[in-house]
Amino acid sequence: MTDNIKEQVEDKIIDLIGLNGGGRLVVFKPENSAKDLVVEKRGDYKKRVISLRVFCEELAESNNSGNNFLKLADARKASPEENLYFVFVHFDFIKRDISDRFWVIPSVIFQELDEKSSLSRFLMNKKGFVRFLIETL
């Protein structure tokens, strides 16, 4: 996957949060960080944040099961953090859009998962993802 595709996926996630967050969330790409995106509540002076690491795979290459993502070495090497979530999306190269449903897995749980694990409990739709962010923050 090229950096250009990853940047497009990150931009789609930013747009998704902006459109469905009702102005309650702020999302940005941090500089000089291992995280891809940071989300915080607008006006939250406690500065609670959720950090996201985005992993994507072209839809044509996947079997859409999600367990392919468990093999990603980059995700396995990441240090687990309480407010760090891995977002695994499929990217439709033709539509230039992310899939309607994707996985959001806390980094502290990700290390414990194996290929036999059921990932369905981490599967969210786009609106559910934004609702999850609002409720978690």
C-alpha atoms as a PDB file:
ATOM      1  CA  MET A   1       0.000   0.000   0.000  1.00  0.00           C
ATOM      2  CA  THR A   2       1.317   3.386  -0.928  1.00  0.00           C
ATOM      3  CA  ASP A   3       1.536   6.374   1.361  1.00  0.00           C
ATOM      4  CA  ASN A   4      -0.859   8.182  -0.965  1.00  0.00           C
ATOM      5  CA  ILE A   5      -3.584   5.585  -0.383  1.00  0.00           C
ATOM      6  CA  LYS A   6      -3.023   5.659   3.365  1.00  0.00           C
ATOM      7  CA  GLU A   7      -3.315   9.437   3.330  1.00  0.00           C
ATOM      8  CA  GLN A   8      -6.573   9.173   1.366  1.00  0.00           C
ATOM      9  CA  VAL A   9      -7.923   6.715   3.935  1.00  0.00           C
ATOM     10  CA  GLU A  10      -6.939   9.014   6.805  1.00  0.00           C
ATOM     11  CA  ASP A  11      -8.619  11.941   5.033  1.00  0.00           C
ATOM     12  CA  LYS A  12     -11.793   9.868   4.595  1.00  0.00           C
ATOM     13  CA  ILE A  13     -11.796   9.097   8.320  1.00  0.00           C
ATOM     14  CA  ILE A  14     -11.313  12.783   9.143  1.00  0.00           C
ATOM     15  CA  ASP A  15     -14.244  13.665   6.855  1.00  0.00           C
ATOM     16  CA  LEU A  16     -16.358  10.919   8.417  1.00  0.00           C
ATOM     17  CA  ILE A  17     -15.741  12.226  11.935  1.00  0.00           C
ATOM     18  CA  GLY A  18     -16.301  15.818  10.863  1.00  0.00           C
ATOM     19  CA  LEU A  19     -19.589  15.075   9.074  1.00  0.00           C
ATOM     20  CA  ASN A  20     -21.078  12.768  11.697  1.00  0.00           C
ATOM     21  CA  GLY A  21     -19.655  14.308  14.859  1.00  0.00           C
ATOM     22  CA  GLY A  22     -22.039  17.252  14.868  1.00  0.00           C
ATOM     23  CA  GLY A  23     -19.191  19.651  15.630  1.00  0.00           C
ATOM     24  CA  ARG A  24     -18.491  17.855  18.919  1.00  0.00           C
ATOM     25  CA  LEU A  25     -15.172  16.339  17.877  1.00  0.00           C
ATOM     26  CA  VAL A  26     -11.875  17.706  16.628  1.00  0.00           C
ATOM     27  CA  VAL A  27      -9.623  15.388  14.634  1.00  0.00           C
ATOM     28  CA  PHE A  28      -6.129  16.100  13.349  1.00  0.00           C
ATOM     29  CA  LYS A  29      -2.955  14.440  12.125  1.00  0.00           C
ATOM     30  CA  PRO A  30      -0.247  14.900  14.744  1.00  0.00           C
ATOM     31  CA  GLU A  31       3.242  15.808  13.644  1.00  0.00           C
ATOM     32  CA  ASN A  32       6.204  13.651  14.666  1.00  0.00           C
ATOM     33  CA  SER A  33       4.108  10.900  16.191  1.00  0.00           C
ATOM     34  CA  ALA A  34       3.598   7.190  15.709  1.00  0.00           C
ATOM     35  CA  LYS A  35      -0.153   7.850  15.747  1.00  0.00           C
ATOM     36  CA  ASP A  36      -1.971   8.640  12.527  1.00  0.00           C
ATOM     37  CA  LEU A  37      -4.918  10.613  13.912  1.00  0.00           C
ATOM     38  CA  VAL A  38      -5.873  12.183  17.232  1.00  0.00           C
ATOM     39  CA  VAL A  39      -9.481  12.846  18.247  1.00  0.00           C
ATOM     40  CA  GLU A  40     -10.634  15.052  21.095  1.00  0.00           C
ATOM     41  CA  LYS A  41     -13.885  16.645  22.191  1.00  0.00           C
ATOM     42  CA  ARG A  42     -14.293  20.250  21.161  1.00  0.00           C
ATOM     43  CA  GLY A  43     -13.854  22.467  24.213  1.00  0.00           C
ATOM     44  CA  ASP A  44     -12.508  19.668  26.420  1.00  0.00           C
ATOM     45  CA  TYR A  45      -9.998  21.408  28.636  1.00  0.00           C
ATOM     46  CA  LYS A  46      -8.958  18.157  30.310  1.00  0.00           C
ATOM     47  CA  LYS A  47      -7.382  17.236  26.979  1.00  0.00           C
ATOM     48  CA  ARG A  48      -8.594  13.652  26.943  1.00  0.00           C
ATOM     49  CA  VAL A  49      -7.795  12.241  23.547  1.00  0.00           C
ATOM     50  CA  ILE A  50      -8.172   9.093  21.529  1.00  0.00           C
ATOM     51  CA  SER A  51      -5.276   8.208  19.260  1.00  0.00           C
ATOM     52  CA  LEU A  52      -5.804   6.150  16.120  1.00  0.00           C
ATOM     53  CA  ARG A  53      -3.403   4.059  14.063  1.00  0.00           C
ATOM     54  CA  VAL A  54      -4.902   3.398  10.663  1.00  0.00           C
ATOM     55  CA  PHE A  55      -4.251   0.218   8.707  1.00  0.00           C
ATOM     56  CA  CYS A  56      -5.844  -0.407   5.362  1.00  0.00           C
ATOM     57  CA  GLU A  57      -5.920  -3.007   2.692  1.00  0.00           C
ATOM     58  CA  GLU A  58      -7.270  -2.712  -0.825  1.00  0.00           C
ATOM     59  CA  LEU A  59     -10.693  -4.308  -1.017  1.00  0.00           C
ATOM     60  CA  ALA A  60      -9.819  -6.338  -4.101  1.00  0.00           C
ATOM     61  CA  GLU A  61      -6.992  -8.053  -2.191  1.00  0.00           C
ATOM     62  CA  SER A  62      -8.954  -9.014   0.889  1.00  0.00           C
ATOM     63  CA  ASN A  63     -11.395 -11.692   1.820  1.00  0.00           C
ATOM     64  CA  ASN A  64     -13.164  -9.082   4.000  1.00  0.00           C
ATOM     65  CA  SER A  65     -12.835 -11.286   7.100  1.00  0.00           C
ATOM     66  CA  GLY A  66     -10.716  -8.886   9.106  1.00  0.00           C
ATOM     67  CA  ASN A  67      -8.378 -11.597  10.350  1.00  0.00           C
ATOM     68  CA  ASN A  68      -5.884 -10.651   7.626  1.00  0.00           C
ATOM     69  CA  PHE A  69      -5.169  -7.590   9.734  1.00  0.00           C
ATOM     70  CA  LEU A  70      -3.965  -9.718  12.634  1.00  0.00           C
ATOM     71  CA  LYS A  71      -0.899 -10.567  10.569  1.00  0.00           C
ATOM     72  CA  LEU A  72       0.274  -6.970  10.267  1.00  0.00           C
ATOM     73  CA  ALA A  73       3.731  -6.688  11.756  1.00  0.00           C
ATOM     74  CA  ASP A  74       3.440  -2.921  12.297  1.00  0.00           C
ATOM     75  CA  ALA A  75       0.414  -3.373  14.526  1.00  0.00           C
ATOM     76  CA  ARG A  76       2.097  -6.201  16.439  1.00  0.00           C
ATOM     77  CA  LYS A  77       5.145  -4.032  17.164  1.00  0.00           C
ATOM     78  CA  ALA A  78       3.139  -1.093  18.528  1.00  0.00           C
ATOM     79  CA  SER A  79       3.219  -0.583  22.260  1.00  0.00           C
ATOM     80  CA  PRO A  80      -0.242  -0.914  23.782  1.00  0.00           C
ATOM     81  CA  GLU A  81      -1.652   2.293  25.233  1.00  0.00           C
ATOM     82  CA  GLU A  82      -4.917   2.877  27.041  1.00  0.00           C
ATOM     83  CA  ASN A  83      -6.375   5.380  24.573  1.00  0.00           C
ATOM     84  CA  LEU A  84      -4.807   4.023  21.383  1.00  0.00           C
ATOM     85  CA  TYR A  85      -7.062   2.223  18.940  1.00  0.00           C
ATOM     86  CA  PHE A  86      -6.162   0.412  15.743  1.00  0.00           C
ATOM     87  CA  VAL A  87      -8.570   1.117  12.903  1.00  0.00           C
ATOM     88  CA  PHE A  88      -8.565  -1.515  10.164  1.00  0.00           C
ATOM     89  CA  VAL A  89     -10.377  -0.544   6.977  1.00  0.00           C
ATOM     90  CA  HIS A  90     -10.742  -1.871   3.484  1.00  0.00           C
ATOM     91  CA  PHE A  91     -10.165   0.680   0.752  1.00  0.00           C
ATOM     92  CA  ASP A  92     -12.136   0.467  -2.485  1.00  0.00           C
ATOM     93  CA  PHE A  93      -9.605   1.664  -5.023  1.00  0.00           C
ATOM     94  CA  ILE A  94     -12.215   2.278  -7.721  1.00  0.00           C
ATOM     95  CA  LYS A  95     -14.651   4.265  -5.546  1.00  0.00           C
ATOM     96  CA  ARG A  96     -11.761   5.892  -3.662  1.00  0.00           C
ATOM     97  CA  ASP A  97     -13.600   5.294  -0.417  1.00  0.00           C
ATOM     98  CA  ILE A  98     -13.331   3.191   2.713  1.00  0.00           C
ATOM     99  CA  SER A  99     -15.682   0.309   3.431  1.00  0.00           C
ATOM    100  CA  ASP A 100     -18.914   1.022   5.292  1.00  0.00           C
ATOM    101  CA  ARG A 101     -17.876  -1.312   8.096  1.00  0.00           C
ATOM    102  CA  PHE A 102     -14.452  -1.618   9.685  1.00  0.00           C
ATOM    103  CA  TRP A 103     -12.721  -2.814  12.818  1.00  0.00           C
ATOM    104  CA  VAL A 104     -11.751  -0.626  15.776  1.00  0.00           C
ATOM    105  CA  ILE A 105      -9.599  -2.593  18.205  1.00  0.00           C
ATOM    106  CA  PRO A 106      -8.064  -1.227  21.424  1.00  0.00           C
ATOM    107  CA  SER A 107      -4.296  -1.624  21.267  1.00  0.00           C
ATOM    108  CA  VAL A 108      -4.251  -3.197  24.733  1.00  0.00           C
ATOM    109  CA  ILE A 109      -6.472  -6.018  23.469  1.00  0.00           C
ATOM    110  CA  PHE A 110      -4.906  -6.390  20.030  1.00  0.00           C
ATOM    111  CA  GLN A 111      -1.758  -8.055  21.329  1.00  0.00           C
ATOM    112  CA  GLU A 112      -3.857 -10.855  22.850  1.00  0.00           C
ATOM    113  CA  LEU A 113      -5.750 -11.707  19.652  1.00  0.00           C
ATOM    114  CA  ASP A 114      -4.830 -14.542  17.338  1.00  0.00           C
ATOM    115  CA  GLU A 115      -6.114 -15.752  13.974  1.00  0.00           C
ATOM    116  CA  LYS A 116      -8.813 -17.836  15.668  1.00  0.00           C
ATOM    117  CA  SER A 117     -10.210 -14.821  17.509  1.00  0.00           C
ATOM    118  CA  SER A 118     -13.588 -13.487  16.525  1.00  0.00           C
ATOM    119  CA  LEU A 119     -13.260  -9.871  15.514  1.00  0.00           C
ATOM    120  CA  SER A 120     -16.988  -9.292  15.072  1.00  0.00           C
ATOM    121  CA  ARG A 121     -17.253  -7.512  18.437  1.00  0.00           C
ATOM    122  CA  PHE A 122     -14.892  -4.830  17.091  1.00  0.00           C
ATOM    123  CA  LEU A 123     -16.740  -4.343  13.796  1.00  0.00           C
ATOM    124  CA  MET A 124     -18.470  -0.958  13.483  1.00  0.00           C
ATOM    125  CA  ASN A 125     -20.272   0.951  10.801  1.00  0.00           C
ATOM    126  CA  LYS A 126     -19.312   4.539  10.028  1.00  0.00           C
ATOM    127  CA  LYS A 127     -21.940   6.196  12.234  1.00  0.00           C
ATOM    128  CA  GLY A 128     -21.337   3.709  15.028  1.00  0.00           C
ATOM    129  CA  PHE A 129     -17.645   4.586  14.924  1.00  0.00           C
ATOM    130  CA  VAL A 130     -18.314   8.288  15.462  1.00  0.00           C
ATOM    131  CA  ARG A 131     -20.830   7.493  18.217  1.00  0.00           C
ATOM    132  CA  PHE A 132     -18.178   5.288  19.851  1.00  0.00           C
ATOM    133  CA  LEU A 133     -15.682   8.171  19.787  1.00  0.00           C
ATOM    134  CA  ILE A 134     -18.161  10.606  21.323  1.00  0.00           C
ATOM    135  CA  GLU A 135     -19.153   8.167  24.085  1.00  0.00           C
ATOM    136  CA  THR A 136     -15.557   7.170  24.837  1.00  0.00           C
ATOM    137  CA  LEU A 137     -14.347  10.729  25.183  1.00  0.00           C
END
